[in-house]
């Protein structure tokens, strides 16, 4: 069985590891244009200096070798699903099964100037550029997007300025009516008050209309001056996903069956952020837990598929409706949220860091 995995993020790595264990004789090839895995949840801490890029990066080639998989560090240019052939910048790779795990990328929602005049923490390269800009000690930093990433960036900015002894002004801008709009009100209210006490100016119901150098313009006609802007306002399907001839939902995510095979395909699957996965009206969230659970489930289903046996449906647990996650807030404080629990404090932050350390041990 020849399995080609497109992407080397959380879903791709978990699938390679699970498939090697469950389908020991499979020929597995992982294709990724970068040679480093990045533990993206810790990117904001690069800003404060609590972690280094090397500390949250792993060697994909060594990981592949450890699991007897081929690693191709090239960019995928096209996939012929009729001929079962992946074309990269350097070769053509045939497959029996293709697993699409190519993730997502920062979305700027077509807002003029947003990408050109802002920094991002979605990739390692962009986060390093943001760190360089922050080290110039701007007097004011605006964070656009009060979701999970925006909140974590906020905490690290405040810790950075505190550590430097600089009185930097920090703004949090959100188009919707509350901080952490995808979470329960008690969580949103707690985080709002936490940052309010730390001096953050929180601007809600502010829809960004245009970005120019040093100026945010809002739909209500108001403006905000800034020296540095960090954009954390959502993600979209990546450019490769847009090129692939696969069924997609209205937002551009690849649509799958409950088996995790792509709709209309018998030998192509999608997992992780790139995929639109649901079961009984519960929609899978785009998070690490879901990516890894999907990868494990798919590995089992490919074994069943190859044996001609019925496939098992995948049921999301960490869903859009009931998200569960760790959130770091700075000052060594964290929040843990599940369907029923809401815990906070320094112990939660330490638990989050232990998860990071445990994951990165895979590359040792």
Protein backbone atom coordinates (compact mmCIF):
# COMPACT_ATOMS: atom_id res chain seq x y z
CA UNK A 1 0.00 0.00 0.00
CA UNK A 2 1.48 3.33 -1.09
CA UNK A 3 0.27 6.24 1.05
CA UNK A 4 1.21 9.82 0.25
CA UNK A 5 0.68 12.40 2.99
CA UNK A 6 0.46 16.02 1.91
CA UNK A 7 1.59 18.22 4.80
CA UNK A 8 3.81 17.98 7.86
CA UNK A 9 1.71 19.59 10.58
CA UNK A 10 -0.06 18.03 13.56
CA UNK A 11 -2.45 15.94 11.46
CA UNK A 12 0.23 14.77 9.05
CA UNK A 13 2.67 13.72 11.76
CA UNK A 14 0.04 11.90 13.81
CA UNK A 15 -1.16 10.07 10.71
CA UNK A 16 2.36 8.93 9.78
CA UNK A 17 2.97 7.66 13.32
CA UNK A 18 -0.43 5.94 13.56
CA UNK A 19 -0.30 4.44 10.07
CA UNK A 20 3.14 2.97 10.66
CA UNK A 21 1.85 1.28 13.80
CA UNK A 22 -1.47 0.11 12.30
CA UNK A 23 -0.32 -0.67 8.74
CA UNK A 24 3.30 -1.73 9.34
CA UNK A 25 4.05 -2.75 5.74
CA UNK A 26 2.72 0.46 4.14
CA UNK A 27 5.02 2.58 1.97
CA UNK A 28 4.51 6.07 3.42
CA UNK A 29 5.71 9.29 1.82
CA UNK A 30 5.27 12.66 3.51
CA UNK A 31 5.58 15.77 1.33
CA UNK A 32 6.20 19.17 2.95
CA UNK A 33 7.91 22.25 1.53
CA UNK A 34 9.57 23.02 4.87
CA UNK A 35 11.99 20.77 6.70
CA UNK A 36 10.83 21.89 10.15
CA UNK A 37 7.68 21.14 12.10
CA UNK A 38 6.42 24.09 14.13
CA UNK A 39 4.48 23.83 17.38
CA UNK A 40 2.15 26.64 16.33
CA UNK A 41 0.25 26.99 19.67
CA UNK A 42 3.44 28.37 21.23
CA UNK A 43 4.20 30.91 18.50
CA UNK A 44 2.94 33.86 20.60
CA UNK A 45 5.58 33.08 23.23
CA UNK A 46 8.30 33.79 20.68
CA UNK A 47 7.22 37.44 21.00
CA UNK A 48 7.90 37.54 24.73
CA UNK A 49 11.05 35.43 24.44
CA UNK A 50 9.69 32.64 26.64
CA UNK A 51 10.45 30.17 23.85
CA UNK A 52 12.89 30.23 20.95
CA UNK A 53 12.12 29.19 17.36
CA UNK A 54 14.45 26.20 17.76
CA UNK A 55 12.75 25.19 20.98
CA UNK A 56 9.37 24.70 19.31
CA UNK A 57 10.64 23.33 15.99
CA UNK A 58 11.32 19.72 15.03
CA UNK A 59 13.26 18.08 12.21
CA UNK A 60 10.72 16.48 9.87
CA UNK A 61 13.30 14.39 8.05
CA UNK A 62 14.43 12.75 11.29
CA UNK A 63 10.81 12.22 12.32
CA UNK A 64 10.08 10.49 9.01
CA UNK A 65 13.17 8.30 9.30
CA UNK A 66 12.15 7.31 12.82
CA UNK A 67 8.84 6.02 11.45
CA UNK A 68 10.28 4.47 8.28
CA UNK A 69 8.62 7.01 6.03
CA UNK A 70 10.03 8.81 3.02
CA UNK A 71 10.34 12.58 3.42
CA UNK A 72 10.15 14.80 0.35
CA UNK A 73 10.99 18.43 1.02
CA UNK A 74 9.32 19.91 -2.03
CA UNK A 75 6.22 21.91 -2.83
CA UNK A 76 3.18 20.14 -4.27
CA UNK A 77 2.19 21.78 -7.56
CA UNK A 78 -0.74 19.55 -8.53
CA UNK A 79 -2.51 16.27 -7.82
CA UNK A 80 -4.12 14.13 -10.55
CA UNK A 81 -6.78 12.23 -8.63
CA UNK A 82 -7.82 10.25 -11.69
CA UNK A 83 -4.30 8.91 -12.23
CA UNK A 84 -3.35 8.84 -8.52
CA UNK A 85 -0.28 11.00 -9.08
CA UNK A 86 1.17 13.85 -7.02
CA UNK A 87 3.42 16.29 -8.84
CA UNK A 88 5.92 18.34 -6.87
CA UNK A 89 8.51 20.88 -7.89
CA UNK A 90 10.95 18.04 -8.44
CA UNK A 91 9.18 14.76 -9.17
CA UNK A 92 6.02 12.73 -9.68
CA UNK A 93 4.87 10.42 -6.89
CA UNK A 94 2.20 7.72 -7.45
CA UNK A 95 -0.11 6.65 -4.64
CA UNK A 96 -2.77 4.14 -3.70
CA UNK A 97 -4.12 6.47 -1.02
CA UNK A 98 -3.61 10.19 -0.60
CA UNK A 99 -4.08 11.97 2.75
CA UNK A 100 -4.49 15.74 2.51
CA UNK A 101 -3.33 17.50 5.69
CA UNK A 102 -2.16 20.83 4.28
CA UNK A 103 -3.71 23.01 6.98
CA UNK A 104 -4.78 26.62 6.65
CA UNK A 105 -3.27 30.09 6.39
CA UNK A 106 -3.90 33.57 7.74
CA UNK A 107 -7.00 35.27 6.36
CA UNK A 108 -7.18 39.02 5.73
CA UNK A 109 -10.76 38.94 4.43
CA UNK A 110 -9.86 41.06 1.44
CA UNK A 111 -9.42 44.16 3.61
CA UNK A 112 -7.25 46.71 1.78
CA UNK A 113 -3.81 47.06 3.32
CA UNK A 114 -4.35 44.47 6.05
CA UNK A 115 -1.65 42.07 4.93
CA UNK A 116 0.78 44.74 3.80
CA UNK A 117 0.73 46.72 7.05
CA UNK A 118 0.49 43.98 9.67
CA UNK A 119 2.43 41.14 11.23
CA UNK A 120 1.20 37.57 11.77
CA UNK A 121 2.11 34.72 14.11
CA UNK A 122 0.68 31.93 11.97
CA UNK A 123 4.01 30.82 10.49
CA UNK A 124 7.48 30.70 12.00
CA UNK A 125 8.86 33.13 9.44
CA UNK A 126 6.12 35.68 10.12
CA UNK A 127 6.45 35.31 13.88
CA UNK A 128 10.18 35.95 13.74
CA UNK A 129 9.55 39.11 11.69
CA UNK A 130 7.00 40.21 14.29
CA UNK A 131 9.55 39.61 17.05
CA UNK A 132 12.14 41.74 15.26
CA UNK A 133 9.60 44.56 14.94
CA UNK A 134 8.59 44.24 18.59
CA UNK A 135 12.21 44.42 19.72
CA UNK A 136 12.28 47.95 18.30
CA UNK A 137 9.97 48.80 21.24
CA UNK A 138 6.99 50.36 19.50
CA UNK A 139 4.99 52.70 21.74
CA UNK A 140 1.65 51.22 20.65
CA UNK A 141 0.63 47.79 19.35
CA UNK A 142 -2.80 46.89 18.03
CA UNK A 143 -3.96 43.27 17.88
CA UNK A 144 -6.82 42.67 15.45
CA UNK A 145 -8.86 39.59 16.30
CA UNK A 146 -9.88 38.62 19.84
CA UNK A 147 -10.03 34.88 19.26
CA UNK A 148 -7.78 32.36 20.93
CA UNK A 149 -4.61 33.42 19.08
CA UNK A 150 -5.29 37.11 19.57
CA UNK A 151 -5.77 36.66 23.30
CA UNK A 152 -2.56 34.68 23.64
CA UNK A 153 -0.62 37.26 21.61
CA UNK A 154 -2.01 39.94 23.89
CA UNK A 155 -0.69 38.22 27.00
CA UNK A 156 2.78 37.86 25.53
CA UNK A 157 2.91 41.49 24.41
CA UNK A 158 2.09 42.66 27.92
CA UNK A 159 4.72 40.37 29.43
CA UNK A 160 7.27 41.61 26.87
CA UNK A 161 6.70 45.27 27.73
CA UNK A 162 6.72 44.51 31.46
CA UNK A 163 10.01 42.62 31.15
CA UNK A 164 11.56 45.49 29.19
CA UNK A 165 10.29 48.07 31.66
CA UNK A 166 8.52 49.88 28.83
CA UNK A 167 5.06 51.40 29.12
CA UNK A 168 3.73 50.24 25.74
CA UNK A 169 0.09 50.85 24.88
CA UNK A 170 -1.75 47.73 23.69
CA UNK A 171 -5.12 47.63 21.91
CA UNK A 172 -7.34 44.62 21.23
CA UNK A 173 -9.72 45.07 18.29
CA UNK A 174 -12.64 42.71 17.64
CA UNK A 175 -15.41 42.92 15.04
CA UNK A 176 -17.91 41.01 17.21
CA UNK A 177 -19.46 41.81 20.56
CA UNK A 178 -17.10 40.07 22.95
CA UNK A 179 -13.59 38.79 23.53
CA UNK A 180 -13.26 35.11 22.56
CA UNK A 181 -16.48 35.16 20.50
CA UNK A 182 -16.47 31.39 20.01
CA UNK A 183 -16.51 30.65 23.74
CA UNK A 184 -18.98 30.76 26.62
CA UNK A 185 -19.84 34.13 28.15
CA UNK A 186 -18.29 33.32 31.54
CA UNK A 187 -14.95 32.58 29.85
CA UNK A 188 -15.15 35.66 27.63
CA UNK A 189 -16.05 37.88 30.57
CA UNK A 190 -13.20 36.55 32.70
CA UNK A 191 -10.60 37.08 29.97
CA UNK A 192 -12.00 40.52 29.16
CA UNK A 193 -11.67 41.62 32.76
CA UNK A 194 -8.23 40.02 33.09
CA UNK A 195 -6.83 42.15 30.28
CA UNK A 196 -8.81 45.23 31.25
CA UNK A 197 -7.03 45.17 34.62
CA UNK A 198 -3.69 44.95 32.82
CA UNK A 199 -4.39 48.16 30.97
CA UNK A 200 -5.42 46.86 27.56
CA UNK A 201 -7.84 49.05 25.63
CA UNK A 202 -10.43 46.59 24.32
CA UNK A 203 -12.40 47.77 21.30
CA UNK A 204 -15.42 45.61 20.45
CA UNK A 205 -17.86 45.88 17.52
CA UNK A 206 -15.06 47.42 15.47
CA UNK A 207 -15.05 46.21 11.87
CA UNK A 208 -11.79 47.03 10.10
CA UNK A 209 -12.49 48.66 6.76
CA UNK A 210 -8.97 49.58 5.66
CA UNK A 211 -5.40 49.52 6.95
CA UNK A 212 -2.77 52.08 6.08
CA UNK A 213 0.70 52.56 7.51
CA UNK A 214 0.05 53.36 11.17
CA UNK A 215 -3.72 53.74 10.87
CA UNK A 216 -6.70 51.41 11.24
CA UNK A 217 -9.93 52.67 9.68
CA UNK A 218 -13.22 51.22 10.92
CA UNK A 219 -16.60 50.83 9.26
CA UNK A 220 -18.17 53.27 11.73
CA UNK A 221 -15.86 56.03 10.51
CA UNK A 222 -13.49 56.03 13.48
CA UNK A 223 -9.73 55.44 13.29
CA UNK A 224 -6.96 54.07 15.48
CA UNK A 225 -3.30 55.05 15.22
CA UNK A 226 -0.66 52.40 15.93
CA UNK A 227 3.05 51.81 15.55
CA UNK A 228 2.78 48.03 15.17
CA UNK A 229 -0.14 45.85 14.09
CA UNK A 230 -0.51 42.09 14.66
CA UNK A 231 -3.30 40.40 12.67
CA UNK A 232 -4.95 37.36 14.27
CA UNK A 233 -8.43 37.65 12.74
CA UNK A 234 -9.06 34.14 11.46
CA UNK A 235 -7.77 31.63 8.92
CA UNK A 236 -8.76 30.37 5.49
CA UNK A 237 -8.00 27.37 3.28
CA UNK A 238 -4.46 27.46 1.93
CA UNK A 239 -3.55 28.27 -1.66
CA UNK A 240 -2.81 24.62 -2.53
CA UNK A 241 -6.24 23.55 -1.29
CA UNK A 242 -7.82 26.15 -3.55
CA UNK A 243 -6.04 24.61 -6.56
CA UNK A 244 -7.04 21.02 -5.83
CA UNK A 245 -10.06 19.72 -7.74
CA UNK A 246 -11.94 18.55 -4.66
CA UNK A 247 -15.42 19.31 -3.24
CA UNK A 248 -15.39 22.25 -0.82
CA UNK A 249 -17.89 23.98 1.40
CA UNK A 250 -18.81 27.66 1.12
CA UNK A 251 -15.73 28.70 3.13
CA UNK A 252 -13.34 26.66 1.00
CA UNK A 253 -12.69 23.76 3.39
CA UNK A 254 -12.51 20.31 1.77
CA UNK A 255 -15.68 18.32 2.41
CA UNK A 256 -15.39 14.80 3.79
CA UNK A 257 -17.65 11.87 4.51
CA UNK A 258 -17.93 10.63 8.09
CA UNK A 259 -15.26 8.06 7.16
CA UNK A 260 -12.87 11.02 6.57
CA UNK A 261 -12.61 10.11 2.90
CA UNK A 262 -13.29 13.12 0.70
CA UNK A 263 -16.80 13.20 -0.75
CA UNK A 264 -16.91 11.30 -4.02
CA UNK A 265 -13.45 9.76 -3.52
CA UNK A 266 -12.52 6.21 -2.59
CA UNK A 267 -8.79 6.70 -2.12
CA UNK A 268 -8.35 10.31 -0.97
CA UNK A 269 -8.95 11.64 2.55
CA UNK A 270 -8.63 15.00 4.29
CA UNK A 271 -7.95 15.67 7.98
CA UNK A 272 -6.94 18.60 10.14
CA UNK A 273 -7.61 22.28 9.52
CA UNK A 274 -8.03 21.87 5.76
CA UNK A 275 -11.08 19.64 6.18
CA UNK A 276 -14.76 20.27 6.89
CA UNK A 277 -15.74 17.38 9.17
CA UNK A 278 -19.06 16.89 10.92
CA UNK A 279 -21.25 14.19 12.46
CA UNK A 280 -24.88 14.58 13.54
CA UNK A 281 -24.64 18.38 13.18
CA UNK A 282 -21.53 18.56 15.38
CA UNK A 283 -18.74 20.30 13.44
CA UNK A 284 -15.14 19.47 14.26
CA UNK A 285 -13.13 22.41 15.53
CA UNK A 286 -9.81 23.35 13.95
CA UNK A 287 -7.48 22.43 16.77
CA UNK A 288 -4.65 20.04 17.62
CA UNK A 289 -6.81 17.55 19.51
CA UNK A 290 -9.16 17.10 16.57
CA UNK A 291 -6.32 16.87 14.05
CA UNK A 292 -4.68 14.06 16.00
CA UNK A 293 -7.90 12.15 16.69
CA UNK A 294 -8.83 12.37 13.01
CA UNK A 295 -5.40 11.09 12.00
CA UNK A 296 -5.63 8.06 14.26
CA UNK A 297 -9.14 7.26 13.05
CA UNK A 298 -8.18 7.59 9.41
CA UNK A 299 -5.23 5.24 9.79
CA UNK A 300 -7.61 2.59 11.13
CA UNK A 301 -10.08 3.24 8.32
CA UNK A 302 -7.43 2.90 5.62
CA UNK A 303 -6.55 -0.50 7.01
CA UNK A 304 -10.22 -1.46 6.87
CA UNK A 305 -10.56 0.00 3.38
CA UNK A 306 -7.59 -1.97 2.08
CA UNK A 307 -9.08 -5.14 3.58
CA UNK A 308 -12.45 -4.50 1.94
CA UNK A 309 -14.22 -4.01 5.27
CA UNK A 310 -16.82 -1.35 6.21
CA UNK A 311 -15.40 1.96 7.39
CA UNK A 312 -16.21 3.44 10.78
CA UNK A 313 -17.67 6.94 11.13
CA UNK A 314 -15.64 9.64 12.86
CA UNK A 315 -17.33 11.56 15.68
CA UNK A 316 -15.75 14.92 16.62
CA UNK A 317 -15.26 15.71 20.30
CA UNK A 318 -13.60 19.13 20.29
CA UNK A 319 -16.31 20.88 18.30
CA UNK A 320 -17.28 24.38 17.23
CA UNK A 321 -20.26 24.27 19.59
CA UNK A 322 -18.34 22.81 22.54
CA UNK A 323 -14.67 23.81 22.21
CA UNK A 324 -12.13 22.64 24.72
CA UNK A 325 -8.70 24.14 24.95
CA UNK A 326 -5.88 25.61 27.00
CA UNK A 327 -5.44 29.38 26.71
CA UNK A 328 -2.39 31.20 28.05
CA UNK A 329 -2.98 34.76 29.23
CA UNK A 330 0.50 35.91 30.20
CA UNK A 331 1.82 36.36 33.75
CA UNK A 332 2.06 32.54 33.85
CA UNK A 333 -1.73 32.40 33.97
CA UNK A 334 -3.88 30.04 31.93
CA UNK A 335 -7.43 28.94 31.28
CA UNK A 336 -8.70 25.40 30.67
CA UNK A 337 -12.08 25.04 29.04
CA UNK A 338 -14.08 21.89 28.34
CA UNK A 339 -17.79 21.29 27.77
CA UNK A 340 -18.40 21.34 31.52
CA UNK A 341 -15.24 22.77 33.11
CA UNK A 342 -13.76 26.24 33.32
CA UNK A 343 -10.51 26.28 35.28
CA UNK A 344 -7.95 29.05 35.60
CA UNK A 345 -4.63 29.82 37.26
CA UNK A 346 -0.89 29.19 37.12
CA UNK A 347 -1.33 25.42 37.32
CA UNK A 348 -3.27 25.50 34.04
CA UNK A 349 -0.45 27.37 32.33
CA UNK A 350 2.07 24.80 33.61
CA UNK A 351 -0.14 22.00 32.27
CA UNK A 352 -0.17 23.69 28.86
CA UNK A 353 3.62 23.93 28.87
CA UNK A 354 3.94 20.26 29.85
CA UNK A 355 1.88 19.33 26.80
CA UNK A 356 4.26 21.34 24.62
CA UNK A 357 7.30 19.64 26.15
CA UNK A 358 5.78 16.19 25.78
CA UNK A 359 4.93 16.79 22.14
CA UNK A 360 8.34 18.15 21.21
CA UNK A 361 9.96 15.04 22.76
CA UNK A 362 8.84 13.22 19.59
CA UNK A 363 11.73 14.86 17.79
CA UNK A 364 14.46 13.91 20.27
